């Protein structure tokens, strides 16, 4: 398995979206600080609780640099594969027991449907594939 530093080498200078006015995150430590500050502000704007720290965000980041839901490597050059801090239960704020890193794609799917609906859709498309065979 690659070391954490080896995994991060391609991402030492990460360009972030225009919301940050083209600021560049110079290293991964600053990335967690940036995500912490941005998420904390977002939580405040939406009247949600927030009890995380940059250190905690780094601690829970997948060591294999992979989305645990989709089993795909994170990639800052692909919008859908960028890391996204997800609230597991959207009725609870940003609390240590309620957040996980996933890809933007996994977070978007989860935010537009609950687990039962996602399973229904998966089962439907699986049945279509099975009917073809």
Protein backbone atom coordinates (compact mmCIF):
# COMPACT_ATOMS: atom_id res chain seq x y z
CA UNK A 1 0.00 0.00 0.00
CA UNK A 2 1.26 3.47 -0.82
CA UNK A 3 2.09 5.85 1.96
CA UNK A 4 -0.24 8.78 2.60
CA UNK A 5 2.43 11.16 1.28
CA UNK A 6 2.74 9.15 -1.98
CA UNK A 7 -1.02 9.32 -2.51
CA UNK A 8 -1.01 13.07 -1.98
CA UNK A 9 1.87 13.98 -4.31
CA UNK A 10 -0.37 14.67 -7.35
CA UNK A 11 -2.54 16.93 -5.19
CA UNK A 12 0.08 19.13 -3.54
CA UNK A 13 -1.24 22.16 -5.41
CA UNK A 14 -5.01 21.80 -5.71
CA UNK A 15 -7.02 24.38 -7.62
CA UNK A 16 -10.37 24.98 -5.98
CA UNK A 17 -13.54 26.39 -7.56
CA UNK A 18 -14.25 30.04 -8.35
CA UNK A 19 -16.10 30.47 -5.01
CA UNK A 20 -12.70 30.72 -3.39
CA UNK A 21 -11.63 33.28 -5.98
CA UNK A 22 -9.07 30.92 -7.50
CA UNK A 23 -7.07 30.50 -4.30
CA UNK A 24 -4.79 27.50 -4.33
CA UNK A 25 -4.46 25.05 -1.51
CA UNK A 26 -0.73 24.60 -1.16
CA UNK A 27 -0.85 21.26 0.66
CA UNK A 28 -3.26 18.74 2.06
CA UNK A 29 -3.15 20.18 5.59
CA UNK A 30 -4.45 23.47 4.24
CA UNK A 31 -7.12 21.58 2.28
CA UNK A 32 -8.63 20.30 5.54
CA UNK A 33 -8.47 23.77 7.07
CA UNK A 34 -10.17 25.18 3.97
CA UNK A 35 -12.92 22.51 4.08
CA UNK A 36 -13.37 23.12 7.81
CA UNK A 37 -13.81 26.88 7.39
CA UNK A 38 -16.09 26.57 4.36
CA UNK A 39 -18.28 23.88 5.95
CA UNK A 40 -18.45 25.75 9.26
CA UNK A 41 -19.70 28.87 7.47
CA UNK A 42 -22.20 26.84 5.47
CA UNK A 43 -23.48 25.19 8.66
CA UNK A 44 -23.90 28.58 10.34
CA UNK A 45 -25.74 29.97 7.28
CA UNK A 46 -28.11 26.98 7.37
CA UNK A 47 -28.50 27.07 11.17
CA UNK A 48 -26.86 23.65 11.62
CA UNK A 49 -24.61 22.57 14.46
CA UNK A 50 -20.90 22.21 13.73
CA UNK A 51 -18.38 20.58 16.07
CA UNK A 52 -15.58 19.46 13.75
CA UNK A 53 -11.94 20.50 13.43
CA UNK A 54 -9.47 20.36 10.53
CA UNK A 55 -7.59 17.65 12.44
CA UNK A 56 -10.74 15.53 12.73
CA UNK A 57 -11.51 15.96 9.02
CA UNK A 58 -8.00 14.70 8.21
CA UNK A 59 -8.32 11.84 10.72
CA UNK A 60 -11.50 10.47 9.11
CA UNK A 61 -10.33 10.94 5.52
CA UNK A 62 -10.04 7.51 3.84
CA UNK A 63 -6.44 6.33 4.05
CA UNK A 64 -6.77 4.59 0.67
CA UNK A 65 -7.82 7.92 -0.91
CA UNK A 66 -10.98 6.25 -2.17
CA UNK A 67 -14.72 6.89 -1.89
CA UNK A 68 -16.00 4.21 0.50
CA UNK A 69 -19.42 4.12 -1.19
CA UNK A 70 -18.35 3.84 -4.84
CA UNK A 71 -14.87 2.34 -4.37
CA UNK A 72 -13.35 4.90 -6.75
CA UNK A 73 -10.18 6.92 -6.13
CA UNK A 74 -10.74 10.57 -5.31
CA UNK A 75 -9.61 12.90 -8.09
CA UNK A 76 -9.51 16.68 -7.77
CA UNK A 77 -9.51 17.02 -11.56
CA UNK A 78 -12.88 15.28 -11.90
CA UNK A 79 -15.82 17.17 -10.39
CA UNK A 80 -17.70 13.96 -9.52
CA UNK A 81 -14.72 12.29 -7.85
CA UNK A 82 -13.67 15.16 -5.60
CA UNK A 83 -13.95 14.44 -1.86
CA UNK A 84 -17.18 15.65 -0.30
CA UNK A 85 -18.00 15.80 3.41
CA UNK A 86 -21.38 14.12 3.77
CA UNK A 87 -23.78 14.33 6.67
CA UNK A 88 -25.02 10.76 7.07
CA UNK A 89 -28.32 11.96 8.54
CA UNK A 90 -29.33 15.23 6.91
CA UNK A 91 -31.53 16.12 9.88
CA UNK A 92 -28.47 16.35 12.12
CA UNK A 93 -25.69 18.92 11.82
CA UNK A 94 -21.96 18.44 11.32
CA UNK A 95 -21.19 16.27 14.33
CA UNK A 96 -18.35 13.74 14.62
CA UNK A 97 -20.67 10.74 14.52
CA UNK A 98 -22.62 12.12 11.54
CA UNK A 99 -20.01 12.85 8.86
CA UNK A 100 -18.08 10.79 6.34
CA UNK A 101 -15.94 11.55 3.29
CA UNK A 102 -17.42 10.31 0.02
CA UNK A 103 -17.13 11.40 -3.60
CA UNK A 104 -19.24 14.27 -4.88
CA UNK A 105 -21.12 11.73 -7.04
CA UNK A 106 -22.02 9.53 -4.06
CA UNK A 107 -23.06 12.57 -2.03
CA UNK A 108 -25.24 13.91 -4.87
CA UNK A 109 -27.00 10.56 -5.31
CA UNK A 110 -27.58 10.26 -1.57
CA UNK A 111 -28.83 13.84 -1.24
CA UNK A 112 -31.52 13.35 -3.86
CA UNK A 113 -32.86 10.00 -2.64
CA UNK A 114 -33.06 7.95 0.54
CA UNK A 115 -31.53 4.47 0.85
CA UNK A 116 -34.81 2.70 0.05
CA UNK A 117 -35.28 4.66 -3.17
CA UNK A 118 -31.68 4.05 -4.22
CA UNK A 119 -32.18 0.30 -3.63
CA UNK A 120 -35.42 0.28 -5.63
CA UNK A 121 -33.69 1.93 -8.58
CA UNK A 122 -30.70 -0.44 -8.32
CA UNK A 123 -33.01 -3.47 -8.18
CA UNK A 124 -35.01 -2.23 -11.17
CA UNK A 125 -31.94 -1.72 -13.36
CA UNK A 126 -30.49 -5.05 -12.19
CA UNK A 127 -33.71 -6.78 -13.26
CA UNK A 128 -33.47 -5.11 -16.69
CA UNK A 129 -29.90 -6.33 -17.08
CA UNK A 130 -30.91 -9.85 -15.97
CA UNK A 131 -33.83 -9.85 -18.44
CA UNK A 132 -31.39 -9.09 -21.29
CA UNK A 133 -29.37 -12.20 -20.48
